[in-house]
């Protein structure tokens, strides 16, 4: 998946949320209009108080609907979402009980379409069946109507259809996110492998320089040393100059070999910058530098940084991230600060993402901690170079 395709998928997800929000609001408005107009005709001028309570109920439903339909609340806000969904259900059942308008049951379909974003299939179906039973009970005990069994089954079918469609939408979204996550990992791994290949090539060249030219120049110095004692005195200066040039050339080759070996470390900064290019919603600012000899450790650190950036965007809605890279002797310190919403009510200090980071760095004595800032979060990652077992 390239950069343009990533932008296309992100825009498509935004358009989907916008379309779903508009559809939910349109349905709500149509149901509220039909219910309130019909109630006005039935109650006349004396029903303004009851009509006001119905209008308030519809407004409460809309307020509870918008944070979920717009995608503002993610799955990590499970508790808040559960409360809002329960409010929608209770308000709808009360409206059905008071106004006795079958069209109001359409709100149960809108409500059912939101469940897959926060609950498993089994839990969501349980909620839907429970709501259908309550709706049936209201019709059976309080309505003066016939065919309530057919009516209840019809709306149950609508709810299950909305539920199935939403689960298909959620599964597609999760598949796209997982695919992009894997592509990010692949991109980081490709960069590190490219650096590792260059590292191997430099090692080979350095070894050839040292083994072939170095040995031959050493032998040449020995031959010149012997020749210096055998040639006429008039040629001793020339031999000495040749000997000095050979020694200087040998020292230059050794310096080149040392310089090449000093450039063999892997550049973490370059790999992280490539990841940031695939997350255009975030502005990344990197301070410091970090170069490692171990390909495996470099890969694990890059994947941890990727997880932190993804979580900052997905859970915190961050737009800016500051990444600090430091190495003191054998200790590596990485600090990832974002400007997102911070820790939610449930907390993220022991989430699956953090647990996965700790498992990645366990063999390097790594530690991962997440703390709240005045705005956003701070992810602190440490590792020890000598900690590998």
Protein backbone atom coordinates (compact mmCIF):
# COMPACT_ATOMS: atom_id res chain seq x y z
CA UNK A 1 0.00 0.00 0.00
CA UNK A 2 1.56 3.28 -1.10
CA UNK A 3 1.14 6.79 0.28
CA UNK A 4 -1.62 7.79 -2.14
CA UNK A 5 -3.57 4.64 -1.40
CA UNK A 6 -3.28 5.33 2.32
CA UNK A 7 -4.72 8.82 1.81
CA UNK A 8 -7.51 7.34 -0.29
CA UNK A 9 -8.43 4.85 2.44
CA UNK A 10 -8.34 7.55 5.13
CA UNK A 11 -10.60 9.80 3.07
CA UNK A 12 -12.96 6.91 2.36
CA UNK A 13 -13.27 6.17 6.09
CA UNK A 14 -14.07 9.84 6.78
CA UNK A 15 -16.68 9.83 4.02
CA UNK A 16 -18.22 6.65 5.44
CA UNK A 17 -18.52 8.22 8.91
CA UNK A 18 -20.03 11.36 7.39
CA UNK A 19 -22.52 9.35 5.33
CA UNK A 20 -23.55 7.23 8.32
CA UNK A 21 -23.95 10.32 10.49
CA UNK A 22 -26.11 12.08 7.92
CA UNK A 23 -28.23 8.96 7.41
CA UNK A 24 -28.74 8.56 11.17
CA UNK A 25 -29.68 12.24 11.62
CA UNK A 26 -32.05 12.15 8.64
CA UNK A 27 -33.78 9.03 9.98
CA UNK A 28 -34.05 10.54 13.45
CA UNK A 29 -35.49 13.79 12.09
CA UNK A 30 -38.05 11.97 9.93
CA UNK A 31 -39.21 9.73 12.78
CA UNK A 32 -39.42 12.67 15.19
CA UNK A 33 -41.41 14.74 12.69
CA UNK A 34 -43.92 11.96 11.97
CA UNK A 35 -44.34 11.15 15.66
CA UNK A 36 -44.70 14.74 16.87
CA UNK A 37 -47.01 15.85 14.04
CA UNK A 38 -49.27 12.85 14.56
CA UNK A 39 -49.29 13.49 18.30
CA UNK A 40 -50.26 17.13 17.74
CA UNK A 41 -53.21 16.09 15.55
CA UNK A 42 -54.36 13.57 18.15
CA UNK A 43 -53.91 15.74 21.24
CA UNK A 44 -54.89 19.10 19.85
CA UNK A 45 -53.96 22.34 21.57
CA UNK A 46 -54.06 20.76 25.06
CA UNK A 47 -51.21 18.31 24.34
CA UNK A 48 -48.38 20.83 24.26
CA UNK A 49 -46.88 19.62 27.57
CA UNK A 50 -46.78 15.97 26.54
CA UNK A 51 -45.52 17.02 23.12
CA UNK A 52 -42.69 18.95 24.81
CA UNK A 53 -41.60 15.88 26.76
CA UNK A 54 -41.56 13.83 23.55
CA UNK A 55 -39.46 16.48 21.83
CA UNK A 56 -37.07 16.44 24.79
CA UNK A 57 -36.81 12.66 24.47
CA UNK A 58 -35.90 12.90 20.79
CA UNK A 59 -33.30 15.57 21.54
CA UNK A 60 -31.74 13.39 24.26
CA UNK A 61 -31.57 10.51 21.75
CA UNK A 62 -29.80 12.78 19.24
CA UNK A 63 -27.28 14.00 21.83
CA UNK A 64 -26.48 10.38 22.74
CA UNK A 65 -26.29 9.42 19.06
CA UNK A 66 -23.89 12.01 17.66
CA UNK A 67 -20.67 11.08 19.57
CA UNK A 68 -21.08 7.47 18.43
CA UNK A 69 -22.25 8.02 14.86
CA UNK A 70 -19.48 10.52 14.10
CA UNK A 71 -16.80 8.14 15.39
CA UNK A 72 -15.63 10.64 18.03
CA UNK A 73 -15.74 7.91 20.68
CA UNK A 74 -13.56 4.92 19.83
CA UNK A 75 -13.71 1.41 21.17
CA UNK A 76 -11.37 2.37 23.99
CA UNK A 77 -14.23 4.54 25.38
CA UNK A 78 -16.31 1.43 25.90
CA UNK A 79 -17.85 2.55 29.20
CA UNK A 80 -19.01 5.94 27.92
CA UNK A 81 -20.33 4.35 24.72
CA UNK A 82 -22.28 1.76 26.73
CA UNK A 83 -23.93 4.51 28.76
CA UNK A 84 -24.89 6.47 25.65
CA UNK A 85 -26.29 3.35 23.96
CA UNK A 86 -28.29 2.52 27.07
CA UNK A 87 -29.66 6.09 27.10
CA UNK A 88 -30.75 5.72 23.47
CA UNK A 89 -32.49 2.43 24.21
CA UNK A 90 -34.30 3.70 27.30
CA UNK A 91 -35.43 6.91 25.56
CA UNK A 92 -36.75 4.93 22.58
CA UNK A 93 -38.67 2.51 24.78
CA UNK A 94 -40.17 5.38 26.80
CA UNK A 95 -41.27 7.13 23.60
CA UNK A 96 -42.84 3.89 22.38
CA UNK A 97 -44.62 3.49 25.70
CA UNK A 98 -45.95 7.06 25.83
CA UNK A 99 -46.73 7.90 22.21
CA UNK A 100 -47.61 4.41 20.99
CA UNK A 101 -46.29 5.22 17.52
CA UNK A 102 -44.87 2.20 15.61
CA UNK A 103 -42.67 4.49 13.50
CA UNK A 104 -40.68 5.35 16.63
CA UNK A 105 -39.34 1.78 16.62
CA UNK A 106 -37.15 2.79 13.66
CA UNK A 107 -34.89 4.35 16.30
CA UNK A 108 -34.21 0.81 17.53
CA UNK A 109 -32.80 0.04 14.08
CA UNK A 110 -30.55 3.12 14.25
CA UNK A 111 -29.51 2.07 17.74
CA UNK A 112 -28.70 -1.50 16.62
CA UNK A 113 -26.44 -0.23 13.84
CA UNK A 114 -24.11 1.34 16.42
CA UNK A 115 -23.52 -1.78 18.52
CA UNK A 116 -20.80 -3.49 16.36
CA UNK A 117 -18.40 -0.57 16.92
CA UNK A 118 -18.18 -1.42 20.62
CA UNK A 119 -19.37 -4.98 21.26
CA UNK A 120 -18.75 -8.49 20.04
CA UNK A 121 -21.28 -10.23 17.83
CA UNK A 122 -22.71 -12.30 20.68
CA UNK A 123 -23.16 -9.33 23.01
CA UNK A 124 -24.69 -7.19 20.27
CA UNK A 125 -27.22 -9.86 19.30
CA UNK A 126 -28.14 -10.27 22.97
CA UNK A 127 -28.80 -6.53 23.24
CA UNK A 128 -30.95 -6.58 20.09
CA UNK A 129 -33.01 -9.57 21.20
CA UNK A 130 -33.55 -7.99 24.63
CA UNK A 131 -34.72 -4.73 23.02
CA UNK A 132 -37.11 -6.67 20.74
CA UNK A 133 -38.60 -8.46 23.74
CA UNK A 134 -39.11 -5.16 25.58
CA UNK A 135 -40.73 -3.65 22.48
CA UNK A 136 -43.03 -6.65 22.22
CA UNK A 137 -43.96 -6.35 25.89
CA UNK A 138 -44.84 -2.67 25.45
CA UNK A 139 -47.08 -3.44 22.48
CA UNK A 140 -48.72 -6.39 24.24
CA UNK A 141 -49.48 -4.73 27.58
CA UNK A 142 -49.95 -1.03 26.71
CA UNK A 143 -50.92 -0.66 23.07
CA UNK A 144 -54.40 -1.00 21.70
CA UNK A 145 -53.26 -2.62 18.50
CA UNK A 146 -53.33 -5.91 16.67
CA UNK A 147 -50.62 -7.76 14.78
CA UNK A 148 -48.07 -6.84 17.47
CA UNK A 149 -46.29 -10.17 16.95
CA UNK A 150 -45.77 -9.44 13.25
CA UNK A 151 -44.76 -5.86 14.03
CA UNK A 152 -42.21 -7.01 16.59
CA UNK A 153 -40.72 -9.61 14.24
CA UNK A 154 -40.51 -7.12 11.38
CA UNK A 155 -38.57 -4.61 13.44
CA UNK A 156 -36.40 -7.39 14.86
CA UNK A 157 -35.52 -8.32 11.29
CA UNK A 158 -34.66 -4.70 10.53
CA UNK A 159 -32.46 -4.56 13.62
CA UNK A 160 -30.61 -7.76 12.72
CA UNK A 161 -30.10 -6.51 9.16
CA UNK A 162 -28.64 -3.23 10.45
CA UNK A 163 -26.50 -5.20 12.88
CA UNK A 164 -25.13 -7.48 10.16
CA UNK A 165 -24.39 -4.54 7.84
CA UNK A 166 -22.55 -2.70 10.59
CA UNK A 167 -20.50 -5.77 11.46
CA UNK A 168 -19.47 -6.05 7.80
CA UNK A 169 -18.47 -2.38 7.83
CA UNK A 170 -16.48 -2.77 11.07
CA UNK A 171 -14.74 -5.91 9.82
CA UNK A 172 -13.71 -4.14 6.60
CA UNK A 173 -12.40 -1.15 8.55
CA UNK A 174 -10.43 -3.37 10.91
CA UNK A 175 -9.01 -5.29 7.96
CA UNK A 176 -7.84 -2.06 6.33
CA UNK A 177 -6.27 -0.84 9.56
CA UNK A 178 -4.54 -4.17 10.09
CA UNK A 179 -3.27 -4.17 6.51
CA UNK A 180 -1.87 -0.68 6.90
CA UNK A 181 -0.28 -1.68 10.21
CA UNK A 182 1.43 -4.62 8.54
CA UNK A 183 2.56 -2.42 5.66
CA UNK A 184 4.09 0.01 8.13
CA UNK A 185 5.99 -2.86 9.74
CA UNK A 186 7.10 -4.08 6.32
CA UNK A 187 8.32 -0.61 5.37
CA UNK A 188 10.34 -0.29 8.59
CA UNK A 189 11.79 -3.77 8.13
CA UNK A 190 12.72 -3.02 4.52
CA UNK A 191 14.61 0.10 5.57
CA UNK A 192 16.49 -1.76 8.29
CA UNK A 193 17.26 -4.64 5.93
CA UNK A 194 18.56 -2.19 3.34
CA UNK A 195 20.81 -0.66 5.96
CA UNK A 196 21.85 -4.13 7.07
CA UNK A 197 22.73 -5.06 3.47
CA UNK A 198 24.89 -1.96 3.17
CA UNK A 199 26.41 -2.90 6.51
CA UNK A 200 27.31 -6.38 5.22
CA UNK A 201 28.79 -4.89 2.05
CA UNK A 202 30.94 -2.48 4.06
CA UNK A 203 32.12 -5.35 6.25
CA UNK A 204 33.14 -7.31 3.15
CA UNK A 205 34.95 -4.35 1.61
CA UNK A 206 36.71 -3.54 4.87
CA UNK A 207 37.77 -7.13 5.29
CA UNK A 208 39.14 -7.28 1.74
CA UNK A 209 41.05 -4.05 2.22
CA UNK A 210 42.52 -5.28 5.45
CA UNK A 211 43.26 -8.83 4.35
CA UNK A 212 44.53 -8.22 0.82
CA UNK A 213 45.97 -4.73 0.52
CA UNK A 214 46.97 -4.53 4.15
CA UNK A 215 48.94 -7.76 4.07
CA UNK A 216 50.57 -6.92 0.73
CA UNK A 217 51.63 -3.47 1.95
CA UNK A 218 53.01 -5.01 5.13
CA UNK A 219 55.04 -7.43 3.01
CA UNK A 220 56.18 -4.53 0.82
CA UNK A 221 57.39 -2.65 3.91
CA UNK A 222 59.40 -5.68 4.99
CA UNK A 223 60.95 -5.99 1.53
CA UNK A 224 61.85 -2.31 1.52
CA UNK A 225 63.37 -2.67 4.99
CA UNK A 226 65.61 -5.46 3.72
CA UNK A 227 66.41 -3.59 0.51
CA UNK A 228 67.44 -0.51 2.46
CA UNK A 229 70.38 -2.42 3.94
CA UNK A 230 71.55 -3.84 0.58
CA UNK A 231 71.38 -0.96 -1.88
CA UNK A 232 74.20 1.54 -2.39
CA UNK A 233 74.25 4.46 -0.02
CA UNK A 234 73.26 6.81 -2.82
CA UNK A 235 69.93 5.01 -3.18
CA UNK A 236 69.14 4.75 0.54
CA UNK A 237 67.18 8.02 0.52
CA UNK A 238 65.02 6.83 -2.37
CA UNK A 239 64.33 3.51 -0.63
CA UNK A 240 63.52 5.34 2.60
CA UNK A 241 61.03 7.56 0.74
CA UNK A 242 59.40 4.50 -0.81
CA UNK A 243 59.26 2.88 2.60
CA UNK A 244 57.60 5.98 4.11
CA UNK A 245 55.04 6.12 1.31
CA UNK A 246 54.20 2.45 1.81
CA UNK A 247 53.76 2.96 5.57
CA UNK A 248 51.57 6.01 4.96
CA UNK A 249 49.47 4.09 2.45
CA UNK A 250 49.08 1.22 4.92
CA UNK A 251 47.98 3.62 7.65
CA UNK A 252 45.49 5.27 5.28
CA UNK A 253 43.97 1.90 4.40
CA UNK A 254 43.68 1.02 8.09
CA UNK A 255 41.96 4.36 8.73
CA UNK A 256 39.51 3.68 5.90
CA UNK A 257 38.75 0.28 7.41
CA UNK A 258 38.16 1.85 10.84
CA UNK A 259 35.90 4.53 9.32
CA UNK A 260 33.89 1.95 7.44
CA UNK A 261 33.37 -0.09 10.60
CA UNK A 262 32.24 3.02 12.47
CA UNK A 263 29.52 3.54 9.83
CA UNK A 264 28.14 0.05 10.21
CA UNK A 265 25.44 0.98 12.77
CA UNK A 266 21.74 1.06 11.82
CA UNK A 267 20.01 4.45 11.76
CA UNK A 268 16.76 4.33 13.77
CA UNK A 269 15.89 7.89 12.82
CA UNK A 270 15.67 7.09 9.11
CA UNK A 271 13.32 4.14 9.69
CA UNK A 272 11.01 6.20 11.93
CA UNK A 273 10.85 9.03 9.41
CA UNK A 274 9.75 6.53 6.77
CA UNK A 275 6.97 5.40 9.11
CA UNK A 276 5.84 8.98 9.67
CA UNK A 277 5.45 9.41 5.90
CA UNK A 278 2.75 6.73 6.02
CA UNK A 279 0.82 8.58 8.75
CA UNK A 280 0.15 11.97 7.16
CA UNK A 281 -2.23 13.04 9.95
CA UNK A 282 0.71 13.36 12.37
CA UNK A 283 3.56 15.86 12.36
CA UNK A 284 6.68 14.17 13.75
CA UNK A 285 9.59 16.04 15.30
CA UNK A 286 12.67 13.96 16.15
CA UNK A 287 15.36 15.05 18.59
CA UNK A 288 18.62 13.17 19.05
CA UNK A 289 19.97 10.19 17.19
CA UNK A 290 20.26 6.48 17.77
CA UNK A 291 22.49 4.01 15.92
CA UNK A 292 22.61 0.33 16.76
CA UNK A 293 24.66 -2.65 15.67
CA UNK A 294 21.91 -5.20 16.31
CA UNK A 295 19.38 -5.52 13.49
CA UNK A 296 16.95 -7.39 15.76
CA UNK A 297 17.02 -4.74 18.49
CA UNK A 298 16.66 -1.94 15.93
CA UNK A 299 13.64 -3.66 14.43
CA UNK A 300 11.97 -4.18 17.82
CA UNK A 301 12.52 -0.54 18.81
CA UNK A 302 11.12 0.73 15.51
CA UNK A 303 8.05 -1.49 15.88
CA UNK A 304 7.52 -0.18 19.44
CA UNK A 305 7.74 3.40 18.18
CA UNK A 306 5.29 2.54 15.41
CA UNK A 307 2.84 1.11 17.96
CA UNK A 308 3.16 4.25 20.06
CA UNK A 309 2.51 6.54 17.08
CA UNK A 310 -0.49 4.47 15.95
CA UNK A 311 -1.99 4.48 19.45
CA UNK A 312 -1.49 8.24 19.77
CA UNK A 313 -3.44 8.72 16.55
CA UNK A 314 -6.09 6.04 17.04
CA UNK A 315 -6.84 6.45 20.75
CA UNK A 316 -5.76 10.02 21.44
CA UNK A 317 -6.47 11.78 18.16
CA UNK A 318 -2.97 13.29 18.26
CA UNK A 319 -1.74 15.57 15.48
CA UNK A 320 1.82 16.22 16.73
CA UNK A 321 4.42 13.84 18.18
CA UNK A 322 7.84 14.64 19.59
CA UNK A 323 10.28 11.75 19.60
CA UNK A 324 13.45 11.84 21.68
CA UNK A 325 16.27 9.36 20.98
CA UNK A 326 19.19 9.01 23.41
CA UNK A 327 21.87 6.49 24.25
CA UNK A 328 24.02 6.64 27.38
CA UNK A 329 26.72 3.98 27.30
CA UNK A 330 24.68 0.77 26.98
CA UNK A 331 21.32 2.25 27.99
CA UNK A 332 18.81 3.35 25.33
CA UNK A 333 16.12 5.93 26.19
CA UNK A 334 13.21 6.71 23.88
CA UNK A 335 10.54 9.28 24.78
CA UNK A 336 7.39 9.67 22.68
CA UNK A 337 5.17 12.67 23.56
CA UNK A 338 1.89 13.51 21.80
CA UNK A 339 -0.72 16.26 21.99
CA UNK A 340 -3.76 13.96 22.02
CA UNK A 341 -6.65 13.64 24.44
CA UNK A 342 -4.56 11.85 27.06
CA UNK A 343 -5.47 8.72 28.99
CA UNK A 344 -9.14 7.79 28.88
CA UNK A 345 -11.22 6.85 31.89
CA UNK A 346 -10.38 3.17 31.57
CA UNK A 347 -6.67 3.91 31.29
CA UNK A 348 -4.21 2.48 28.81
CA UNK A 349 -1.32 1.73 31.16
CA UNK A 350 -1.69 -2.02 30.84
CA UNK A 351 -3.25 -2.37 27.41
CA UNK A 352 -2.41 -5.03 24.87
CA UNK A 353 -0.23 -2.59 22.93
CA UNK A 354 1.99 -1.86 25.93
CA UNK A 355 2.13 -5.53 26.82
CA UNK A 356 3.27 -6.33 23.29
CA UNK A 357 6.04 -3.69 23.52
CA UNK A 358 7.27 -5.15 26.81
CA UNK A 359 7.37 -8.62 25.28
CA UNK A 360 9.37 -7.34 22.30
CA UNK A 361 12.03 -5.78 24.54
CA UNK A 362 12.05 -8.39 27.29
CA UNK A 363 15.28 -10.02 26.09
CA UNK A 364 16.97 -6.60 26.17
CA UNK A 365 15.89 -5.71 29.70
CA UNK A 366 13.43 -3.25 28.20
CA UNK A 367 10.78 -1.31 30.07
CA UNK A 368 7.75 0.54 28.68
CA UNK A 369 5.72 3.07 30.67
CA UNK A 370 2.82 5.34 29.70
CA UNK A 371 2.00 8.49 31.66
CA UNK A 372 -0.39 11.41 31.23
CA UNK A 373 0.74 14.92 30.35
CA UNK A 374 -1.14 18.20 30.73
CA UNK A 375 -2.13 17.59 27.11
CA UNK A 376 -1.57 14.16 25.65
CA UNK A 377 0.56 11.24 26.82
CA UNK A 378 4.21 10.35 27.24
CA UNK A 379 5.49 6.91 26.25
CA UNK A 380 8.85 6.04 27.82
CA UNK A 381 10.86 3.14 26.39
CA UNK A 382 14.20 1.86 27.68
CA UNK A 383 16.47 -1.00 26.64
CA UNK A 384 19.93 -2.25 27.57
CA UNK A 385 22.35 -3.33 24.87
CA UNK A 386 23.99 -5.95 27.06
CA UNK A 387 20.64 -7.33 28.19
CA UNK A 388 20.20 -9.68 25.27
CA UNK A 389 20.23 -13.31 26.25
